[in-house]
Amino acid sequence: MTKKIDASQQIGDGGIALIHVLVNAMGFVWHERKTDAGIDGEIELRDPSTGEVANKVLLVQSKATNRKFPGENDRKFHFVCTQSDVDYWMAAEEPVLLVCSHPGTGEAWWAHVQACFKDPARRAARRVEFDKRTQRFDESAGHRLLHVADPHGRVHVPVAVRRKELLTSNLLEVEIPKLLYSAPTKLRDVREVVAQQIESGSPDVRRDFVLREKRIFTWSPMEETALRSVVSGSTDVHSTIEWESDPQRQRWLVQLLNEALRRDVAEDCAWHRGRKIVYFKANPDLSPRVMRSTTGRIRALVTPTARKDSPTEIGFLKHAALDWRFLLVGQQWFCVLNPTFHYTRDGQHESAYMSDLLAGIKRLDRNLAVLGHTVMWASYLKGDEGVFEPRETIITYGDLVTLTADSGIDDDLWLEGLGEQEEGVESGGDTAELAVEDVDELTLFEVEP
């Protein structure tokens, strides 16, 4: 009589073998049980980077087939368990995973049994629903398994995957002018300096100056600008490099740089004195204002929002805005970009719902959204070709600083459950976003594998 191993046994062994391979890929240890009474094996958790074991295990029951599971399509399927299996699993002290697989294609999905059957109705039905996108049992599932085994985080830390990643920061390299200019003045107040320029009839009133020690310091020779009307003596030239080494003058230099950035963006952006931010101006007709990047992506700069009780009227406008600061590291200057939003009722006057709207958008903004706005501001300041009409700037803006890491944590895992990025925020019960939204939202660090 010829001995045989039937197809179901071979597929079952293939399912166990597949789990073994995938668990190894996660950096964990697989222990197969030779005697199966409802548990096929255990996953012992360890830190792949150090080899240190976490003294935590997950019990695994494998269900393998090369046919479709009940209700299986590209997105989902379900599996109906036996009553005896459910009772056995639920009595376990350790977490139990049900792993359903197709050994022939090397695909597997997992579910945490105790979590699935915590609800009495679901336990009575004995049915486990699988989402094929979010419940894949592969290398990327390792971080989630750590949370299942150690939900309170007593022994585990996020597992870094060994891979090259490009990290994009919010530090924008800048080059500042080598020289600045000063001249004596009889005026003692910044407002007087601005007012006298206006009285002189100059069409280009300068605000990129500081008033210190009875002198005006600025980026251009006084005789070439409207500031010539406020000085009372000859112009001196100073080296910005010399100012960098003096703590007091370095502070003055930072203030001059802040004024320079305001002037560099004044054609397109307004200044909010209270919040110390710049924000994109609205179109005269309050229509949506957008920017197309060099890659063709569309970014909303000003978004009108309709009133709920009167859809033809604008309740408020959301403006892309920027908070920033200048930082000197060694001999290199950086502009730290901190994107934000500003809200107006008519493109100029602040919305009555400002605080509520800002709080709402902060709760909704995620990593990719913040990075998208950071990249947008960097592109605008640098003056990338095709973004806006070319303009002269006092500061020369470079690129965002990037770093290369040898390992990283999968964003899809640690951000899982945060939901899709939402763009609109309702406040006061009388407004709703119009059909205008940011496209291709990208935070502080962008990760490219």
Protein backbone atom coordinates (compact mmCIF):
# COMPACT_ATOMS: atom_id res chain seq x y z
CA MET A 1 0.00 0.00 0.00
CA THR A 2 1.41 3.39 -1.05
CA LYS A 3 1.66 6.10 1.62
CA LYS A 4 0.32 9.53 0.67
CA ILE A 5 0.20 13.06 2.00
CA ASP A 6 -3.00 14.67 0.81
CA ALA A 7 -3.25 18.16 -0.64
CA SER A 8 -4.82 19.67 2.46
CA GLN A 9 -1.89 18.55 4.62
CA GLN A 10 0.59 19.97 2.14
CA ILE A 11 -1.25 23.31 2.00
CA GLY A 12 -1.42 23.36 5.81
CA ASP A 13 2.32 22.79 6.03
CA GLY A 14 2.79 25.51 3.42
CA GLY A 15 0.83 27.93 5.59
CA ILE A 16 3.04 27.17 8.60
CA ALA A 17 6.17 27.53 6.48
CA LEU A 18 4.94 30.88 5.15
CA ILE A 19 4.32 32.15 8.69
CA HIS A 20 7.82 31.05 9.66
CA VAL A 21 9.36 33.01 6.78
CA LEU A 22 7.30 36.13 7.45
CA VAL A 23 7.97 36.10 11.19
CA ASN A 24 11.70 35.86 10.48
CA ALA A 25 11.38 38.83 8.11
CA MET A 26 9.84 40.82 10.98
CA GLY A 27 12.90 40.07 13.08
CA PHE A 28 11.00 37.86 15.53
CA VAL A 29 11.37 34.15 16.40
CA TRP A 30 8.93 31.43 15.33
CA HIS A 31 8.41 28.32 17.49
CA GLU A 32 6.25 25.65 15.88
CA ARG A 33 4.22 23.32 18.08
CA LYS A 34 4.46 19.71 17.01
CA THR A 35 1.18 18.84 18.70
CA ASP A 36 -1.67 21.04 17.52
CA ALA A 37 -4.72 21.42 19.73
CA GLY A 38 -5.83 24.75 18.29
CA ILE A 39 -2.50 26.61 18.37
CA ASP A 40 0.10 25.96 15.68
CA GLY A 41 2.97 27.92 17.17
CA GLU A 42 4.27 30.94 19.01
CA ILE A 43 5.91 34.20 17.95
CA GLU A 44 8.59 35.30 20.39
CA LEU A 45 9.19 39.03 20.11
CA ARG A 46 12.66 40.55 19.98
CA ASP A 47 14.32 43.81 19.00
CA PRO A 48 15.87 43.12 15.55
CA SER A 49 18.49 45.84 16.02
CA THR A 50 19.87 44.47 19.33
CA GLY A 51 18.63 40.88 19.41
CA GLU A 52 17.15 41.47 22.85
CA VAL A 53 14.01 39.40 23.47
CA ALA A 54 10.99 41.10 25.01
CA ASN A 55 9.71 38.15 27.10
CA LYS A 56 6.43 38.40 25.22
CA VAL A 57 4.82 35.82 22.93
CA LEU A 58 1.87 35.66 20.57
CA LEU A 59 0.02 32.40 19.98
CA VAL A 60 -0.81 31.65 16.35
CA GLN A 61 -3.40 29.47 14.66
CA SER A 62 -2.89 29.04 10.92
CA LYS A 63 -5.67 28.58 8.37
CA ALA A 64 -4.31 28.05 4.89
CA THR A 65 -5.91 27.47 1.49
CA ASN A 66 -5.08 28.14 -2.11
CA ARG A 67 -8.75 28.71 -2.86
CA LYS A 68 -10.63 31.88 -2.05
CA PHE A 69 -11.81 32.40 1.51
CA PRO A 70 -15.53 33.04 2.02
CA GLY A 71 -16.55 36.39 0.53
CA GLU A 72 -13.02 37.07 -0.71
CA ASN A 73 -12.38 39.83 -3.23
CA ASP A 74 -9.60 42.36 -3.75
CA ARG A 75 -10.46 44.16 -0.51
CA LYS A 76 -11.76 41.70 2.07
CA PHE A 77 -12.90 38.24 3.13
CA HIS A 78 -14.17 36.53 6.27
CA PHE A 79 -13.53 33.32 8.16
CA VAL A 80 -15.99 31.43 10.34
CA CYS A 81 -14.35 29.66 13.28
CA THR A 82 -15.53 26.57 15.09
CA GLN A 83 -17.03 27.01 18.54
CA SER A 84 -14.38 24.82 20.11
CA ASP A 85 -11.58 26.93 18.58
CA VAL A 86 -13.16 30.16 19.79
CA ASP A 87 -13.58 28.82 23.34
CA TYR A 88 -9.99 27.52 23.37
CA TRP A 89 -8.50 30.77 22.07
CA MET A 90 -10.50 33.01 24.39
CA ALA A 91 -9.28 31.03 27.42
CA ALA A 92 -5.64 31.78 26.56
CA GLU A 93 -3.71 34.25 28.72
CA GLU A 94 -1.52 35.34 25.80
CA PRO A 95 -2.85 37.12 22.68
CA VAL A 96 -3.94 34.74 19.95
CA LEU A 97 -3.55 35.54 16.26
CA LEU A 98 -5.58 33.90 13.52
CA VAL A 99 -3.46 33.93 10.37
CA CYS A 100 -5.25 33.10 7.10
CA SER A 101 -3.00 32.57 4.12
CA HIS A 102 -2.66 31.56 0.49
CA PRO A 103 0.65 29.65 0.49
CA GLY A 104 0.60 29.44 -3.29
CA THR A 105 0.84 33.22 -3.67
CA GLY A 106 2.75 33.92 -0.45
CA GLU A 107 -0.03 36.13 0.94
CA ALA A 108 -1.24 36.12 4.53
CA TRP A 109 -3.49 38.22 6.78
CA TRP A 110 -3.92 38.30 10.54
CA ALA A 111 -6.50 39.12 13.19
CA HIS A 112 -6.24 39.43 16.97
CA VAL A 113 -8.78 36.86 18.16
CA GLN A 114 -9.49 38.26 21.63
CA ALA A 115 -10.12 41.72 20.18
CA CYS A 116 -12.40 40.33 17.47
CA PHE A 117 -14.54 38.31 19.90
CA LYS A 118 -14.60 40.82 22.75
CA ASP A 119 -18.13 41.74 21.69
CA PRO A 120 -20.59 38.93 22.70
CA ALA A 121 -22.56 39.22 19.46
CA ARG A 122 -19.45 38.81 17.32
CA ARG A 123 -18.29 35.91 19.46
CA ALA A 124 -21.65 34.20 19.00
CA ALA A 125 -21.36 34.62 15.24
CA ARG A 126 -17.78 33.19 15.32
CA ARG A 127 -16.99 35.27 12.23
CA VAL A 128 -13.74 37.18 11.73
CA GLU A 129 -13.70 39.95 9.12
CA PHE A 130 -10.42 40.64 7.31
CA ASP A 131 -9.42 43.84 5.52
CA LYS A 132 -6.77 42.74 3.04
CA ARG A 133 -5.15 46.16 2.93
CA THR A 134 -4.73 46.84 6.65
CA GLN A 135 -4.35 43.31 8.00
CA ARG A 136 -1.55 41.98 5.85
CA PHE A 137 0.73 39.60 7.71
CA ASP A 138 4.13 40.58 6.37
CA GLU A 139 7.28 42.41 7.46
CA SER A 140 5.37 45.66 7.97
CA ALA A 141 3.09 44.05 10.58
CA GLY A 142 5.88 43.68 13.14
CA HIS A 143 5.29 47.02 14.83
CA ARG A 144 1.58 46.31 15.26
CA LEU A 145 2.26 42.88 16.70
CA LEU A 146 4.41 44.52 19.37
CA HIS A 147 1.42 46.63 20.37
CA VAL A 148 -0.82 43.57 20.55
CA ALA A 149 1.66 41.71 22.75
CA ASP A 150 2.46 44.73 24.92
CA PRO A 151 -0.46 47.20 24.70
CA HIS A 152 0.80 49.32 27.60
CA GLY A 153 4.29 49.73 26.16
CA ARG A 154 6.11 48.30 29.17
CA VAL A 155 8.77 46.44 27.25
CA HIS A 156 8.63 47.35 23.60
CA VAL A 157 9.85 50.25 21.53
CA PRO A 158 9.11 50.96 17.86
CA VAL A 159 11.15 48.67 15.67
CA ALA A 160 13.32 50.48 13.19
CA VAL A 161 13.58 48.87 9.79
CA ARG A 162 17.06 48.73 8.27
CA ARG A 163 16.70 50.82 5.13
CA LYS A 164 17.94 54.06 3.62
CA GLU A 165 15.56 56.98 4.15
CA LEU A 166 15.80 60.57 3.01
CA LEU A 167 14.57 62.97 5.70
CA THR A 168 13.54 66.46 4.66
CA SER A 169 13.63 69.02 7.48
CA ASN A 170 12.04 72.46 7.82
CA LEU A 171 15.46 74.18 7.79
CA LEU A 172 15.82 76.32 4.67
CA GLU A 173 19.38 77.26 3.76
CA VAL A 174 19.74 80.99 3.10
CA GLU A 175 22.52 83.32 2.02
CA ILE A 176 22.40 86.81 3.49
CA PRO A 177 23.97 89.96 1.99
CA LYS A 178 27.62 90.53 2.85
CA LEU A 179 27.08 94.23 3.53
CA LEU A 180 24.59 96.48 5.26
CA TYR A 181 24.41 100.26 5.56
CA SER A 182 23.81 102.82 8.30
CA ALA A 183 23.41 106.56 8.64
CA PRO A 184 22.55 108.96 11.48
CA THR A 185 19.01 110.24 11.93
CA LYS A 186 17.27 112.75 14.15
CA LEU A 187 14.17 110.56 14.39
CA ARG A 188 13.71 108.34 17.43
CA ASP A 189 10.70 106.22 16.55
CA VAL A 190 10.13 103.67 13.78
CA ARG A 191 6.69 105.12 13.07
CA GLU A 192 8.24 108.53 12.50
CA VAL A 193 10.67 107.02 9.98
CA VAL A 194 7.82 105.43 8.03
CA ALA A 195 5.65 108.57 8.21
CA GLN A 196 8.43 110.84 6.92
CA GLN A 197 9.05 108.53 3.96
CA ILE A 198 5.35 108.71 3.11
CA GLU A 199 5.39 112.52 3.39
CA SER A 200 8.34 112.64 1.00
CA GLY A 201 6.08 111.22 -1.70
CA SER A 202 8.24 108.15 -2.36
CA PRO A 203 6.31 105.29 -4.01
CA ASP A 204 8.50 102.68 -2.28
CA VAL A 205 8.36 103.16 1.50
CA ARG A 206 11.02 101.01 3.18
CA ARG A 207 10.36 99.08 6.37
CA ASP A 208 13.39 96.77 6.17
CA PHE A 209 15.46 98.73 8.68
CA VAL A 210 16.20 98.92 12.40
CA LEU A 211 16.67 102.06 14.46
CA ARG A 212 19.53 101.73 16.95
CA GLU A 213 21.97 104.15 18.64
CA LYS A 214 20.53 107.16 16.75
CA ARG A 215 21.29 105.42 13.46
CA ILE A 216 19.24 103.64 10.81
CA PHE A 217 20.59 100.28 9.63
CA THR A 218 19.30 98.77 6.40
CA TRP A 219 20.23 96.58 3.43
CA SER A 220 20.63 99.24 0.72
CA PRO A 221 22.52 102.54 0.50
CA MET A 222 20.26 105.27 1.93
CA GLU A 223 20.60 107.55 -1.10
CA GLU A 224 19.08 104.85 -3.32
CA THR A 225 15.90 104.44 -1.28
CA ALA A 226 13.16 106.50 0.37
CA LEU A 227 15.21 106.42 3.58
CA ARG A 228 17.32 109.26 2.18
CA SER A 229 14.62 111.60 3.44
CA VAL A 230 15.15 110.59 7.09
CA VAL A 231 18.94 110.52 7.45
CA SER A 232 21.07 113.46 8.58
CA GLY A 233 24.57 112.41 7.64
CA SER A 234 26.78 110.24 5.47
CA THR A 235 26.32 106.50 5.00
CA ASP A 236 28.64 103.89 6.55
CA VAL A 237 29.13 100.33 5.33
CA HIS A 238 29.25 97.32 7.68
CA SER A 239 30.21 93.67 7.20
CA THR A 240 27.51 91.22 8.23
CA ILE A 241 30.20 88.65 9.00
CA GLU A 242 31.59 90.97 11.69
CA TRP A 243 28.10 91.39 13.14
CA GLU A 244 27.64 87.62 13.39
CA SER A 245 30.35 87.33 16.06
CA ASP A 246 28.87 90.05 18.30
CA PRO A 247 25.86 88.77 20.32
CA GLN A 248 24.08 92.15 20.43
CA ARG A 249 24.64 92.98 16.78
CA GLN A 250 23.71 89.45 15.81
CA ARG A 251 20.29 90.11 17.36
CA TRP A 252 20.02 93.29 15.31
CA LEU A 253 21.01 91.28 12.25
CA VAL A 254 18.25 88.76 12.91
CA GLN A 255 15.73 91.60 13.15
CA LEU A 256 16.99 92.98 9.83
CA LEU A 257 16.62 89.52 8.29
CA ASN A 258 13.05 89.30 9.57
CA GLU A 259 12.28 92.66 7.96
CA ALA A 260 14.02 91.50 4.77
CA LEU A 261 11.82 88.41 4.50
CA ARG A 262 8.71 90.55 4.99
CA ARG A 263 9.83 92.77 2.12
CA ASP A 264 10.77 89.80 -0.05
CA VAL A 265 7.20 88.45 0.11
CA ALA A 266 5.31 91.77 0.37
CA GLU A 267 4.04 91.61 -3.22
CA ASP A 268 2.10 88.40 -2.54
CA CYS A 269 1.73 88.29 1.24
CA ALA A 270 0.33 90.47 4.00
CA TRP A 271 1.83 90.91 7.47
CA HIS A 272 -0.12 90.27 10.67
CA ARG A 273 1.49 92.29 13.43
CA GLY A 274 -0.27 90.51 16.30
CA ARG A 275 0.59 86.95 15.26
CA LYS A 276 3.96 87.86 13.67
CA ILE A 277 3.18 85.92 10.50
CA VAL A 278 2.90 86.55 6.78
CA TYR A 279 -0.06 85.14 4.85
CA PHE A 280 -1.04 85.05 1.19
CA LYS A 281 -3.30 87.89 0.10
CA ALA A 282 -6.75 87.11 -1.24
CA ASN A 283 -7.79 87.78 -4.82
CA PRO A 284 -9.83 90.99 -5.21
CA ASP A 285 -12.97 88.95 -5.97
CA LEU A 286 -12.21 86.56 -3.05
CA SER A 287 -11.98 83.62 -5.43
CA PRO A 288 -9.74 80.65 -4.59
CA ARG A 289 -6.03 81.33 -5.00
CA VAL A 290 -3.72 78.42 -5.80
CA MET A 291 -0.09 77.78 -6.65
CA ARG A 292 1.21 75.18 -9.08
CA SER A 293 4.59 73.72 -8.16
CA THR A 294 7.38 72.81 -10.58
CA THR A 295 6.09 69.22 -10.52
CA GLY A 296 2.58 70.31 -11.48
CA ARG A 297 1.05 69.84 -8.03
CA ILE A 298 -1.66 72.28 -6.98
CA ARG A 299 -1.54 73.91 -3.57
CA ALA A 300 -4.35 76.05 -2.17
CA LEU A 301 -3.10 79.43 -0.93
CA VAL A 302 -6.43 81.09 -0.14
CA THR A 303 -9.62 79.06 0.27
CA PRO A 304 -13.03 80.77 0.58
CA THR A 305 -15.58 79.10 2.83
CA ALA A 306 -19.32 79.55 2.46
CA ARG A 307 -21.81 80.22 5.21
CA LYS A 308 -23.99 77.26 6.07
CA ASP A 309 -27.10 79.37 6.31
CA SER A 310 -26.32 81.27 3.10
CA PRO A 311 -24.19 79.24 0.65
CA THR A 312 -23.79 82.20 -1.72
CA GLU A 313 -22.07 84.28 0.97
CA ILE A 314 -18.50 83.81 2.19
CA GLY A 315 -18.19 83.07 5.90
CA PHE A 316 -14.40 83.26 6.05
CA LEU A 317 -11.25 82.70 4.00
CA LYS A 318 -8.40 80.41 4.97
CA HIS A 319 -4.94 81.75 4.03
CA ALA A 320 -1.71 79.75 3.89
CA ALA A 321 0.56 81.50 6.39
CA LEU A 322 4.12 81.30 7.67
CA ASP A 323 5.78 81.73 11.03
CA TRP A 324 9.58 81.68 10.80
CA ARG A 325 12.83 82.45 12.54
CA PHE A 326 16.44 82.82 11.44
CA LEU A 327 19.13 80.63 12.92
CA LEU A 328 22.92 80.80 12.58
CA VAL A 329 24.71 77.45 12.88
CA GLY A 330 28.45 77.78 12.54
CA GLN A 331 28.80 80.01 9.50
CA GLN A 332 25.56 78.93 7.82
CA TRP A 333 22.27 80.80 8.14
CA PHE A 334 18.96 78.94 8.08
CA CYS A 335 15.37 80.06 7.98
CA VAL A 336 13.23 77.74 10.12
CA LEU A 337 9.85 77.39 8.37
CA ASN A 338 6.75 76.80 10.52
CA PRO A 339 3.70 76.82 8.23
CA THR A 340 0.34 77.75 9.71
CA PHE A 341 -2.97 79.28 8.59
CA HIS A 342 -4.70 82.61 8.95
CA TYR A 343 -8.43 83.26 8.73
CA THR A 344 -10.15 86.45 7.56
CA ARG A 345 -13.77 87.37 6.96
CA ASP A 346 -13.10 89.43 3.83
CA GLY A 347 -9.48 88.82 2.85
CA GLN A 348 -8.18 91.52 5.21
CA HIS A 349 -9.96 91.61 8.55
CA GLU A 350 -9.48 88.76 10.99
CA SER A 351 -12.30 86.22 11.28
CA ALA A 352 -14.26 86.16 14.53
CA TYR A 353 -13.76 82.38 14.54
CA MET A 354 -9.93 82.58 14.35
CA SER A 355 -9.11 80.76 17.59
CA ASP A 356 -11.60 77.93 16.99
CA LEU A 357 -10.50 77.47 13.39
CA LEU A 358 -6.81 77.36 14.31
CA ALA A 359 -7.45 74.83 17.08
CA GLY A 360 -9.44 72.66 14.69
CA ILE A 361 -6.83 72.67 11.92
CA LYS A 362 -4.06 71.79 14.39
CA ARG A 363 -6.01 68.70 15.42
CA LEU A 364 -6.44 67.66 11.79
CA ASP A 365 -3.04 68.46 10.30
CA ARG A 366 -0.81 65.42 10.04
CA ASN A 367 2.79 64.78 9.07
CA LEU A 368 2.26 64.81 5.31
CA ALA A 369 0.07 67.91 5.36
CA VAL A 370 2.57 69.98 7.34
CA LEU A 371 5.43 68.89 5.10
CA GLY A 372 3.43 69.80 2.03
CA HIS A 373 3.01 73.36 3.25
CA THR A 374 6.69 73.51 4.26
CA VAL A 375 7.79 72.44 0.78
CA MET A 376 5.35 74.95 -0.75
CA TRP A 377 6.81 77.87 1.25
CA ALA A 378 10.37 76.77 0.46
CA SER A 379 9.54 76.65 -3.24
CA TYR A 380 7.88 80.06 -3.11
CA LEU A 381 10.71 81.74 -1.19
CA LYS A 382 13.36 80.25 -3.45
CA GLY A 383 11.41 81.44 -6.47
CA ASP A 384 11.32 78.13 -8.31
CA GLU A 385 10.77 78.67 -12.00
CA GLY A 386 7.12 78.67 -12.99
CA VAL A 387 5.75 79.04 -9.46
CA PHE A 388 5.28 82.84 -9.51
CA GLU A 389 6.61 85.72 -11.54
CA PRO A 390 10.34 86.24 -10.87
CA ARG A 391 11.01 88.82 -8.15
CA GLU A 392 14.08 90.40 -6.60
CA THR A 393 14.81 89.43 -3.00
CA ILE A 394 17.19 90.72 -0.37
CA ILE A 395 17.90 87.22 0.92
CA THR A 396 18.96 84.37 -1.35
CA TYR A 397 16.87 81.33 -0.44
CA GLY A 398 18.24 77.84 -1.03
CA ASP A 399 16.92 74.33 -0.42
CA LEU A 400 15.49 72.52 2.56
CA VAL A 401 18.11 70.58 4.49
CA THR A 402 17.91 66.82 3.94
CA LEU A 403 19.47 64.01 5.94
CA THR A 404 19.95 60.32 5.16
CA ALA A 405 19.08 57.76 7.83
CA ASP A 406 20.11 54.10 7.84
CA SER A 407 16.85 52.98 9.48
CA GLY A 408 13.34 54.18 10.12
CA ILE A 409 9.83 53.30 11.20
CA ASP A 410 7.13 52.81 8.60
CA ASP A 411 4.88 55.91 8.66
CA ASP A 412 1.86 53.84 7.67
CA LEU A 413 2.19 51.87 10.89
CA TRP A 414 2.75 54.50 13.54
CA LEU A 415 0.24 56.84 11.89
CA GLU A 416 -2.34 54.08 11.46
CA GLY A 417 -5.72 54.94 12.86
CA LEU A 418 -5.31 58.68 12.51
CA GLY A 419 -7.65 58.63 9.56
CA GLU A 420 -7.55 60.48 6.28
CA GLN A 421 -6.33 64.06 6.23
CA GLU A 422 -9.28 66.42 6.49
CA GLU A 423 -9.02 69.85 5.01
CA GLY A 424 -12.06 71.73 6.28
CA VAL A 425 -13.02 72.90 9.75
CA GLU A 426 -16.44 74.10 10.71
CA SER A 427 -16.93 76.63 13.47
CA GLY A 428 -19.78 78.61 14.89
CA GLY A 429 -22.36 76.49 13.14
CA ASP A 430 -22.76 78.80 10.15
CA THR A 431 -19.95 77.89 7.77
CA ALA A 432 -18.93 75.01 5.52
CA GLU A 433 -15.92 74.55 3.23
CA LEU A 434 -16.43 75.27 -0.45
CA ALA A 435 -15.31 72.65 -2.95
CA VAL A 436 -11.73 73.90 -2.91
CA GLU A 437 -9.01 71.83 -1.26
CA ASP A 438 -5.31 71.24 -1.21
CA VAL A 439 -4.15 68.63 -3.66
CA ASP A 440 -1.44 66.06 -2.92
CA GLU A 441 -0.87 66.92 0.73
CA LEU A 442 2.57 65.94 1.82
CA THR A 443 5.49 67.46 8.16
CA LEU A 444 8.24 68.35 9.32
CA PHE A 445 10.05 65.38 7.81
CA GLU A 446 9.23 63.76 4.50
CA VAL A 447 10.41 60.16 4.22
CA GLU A 448 11.40 58.66 0.90
CA PRO A 449 12.45 55.01 1.04
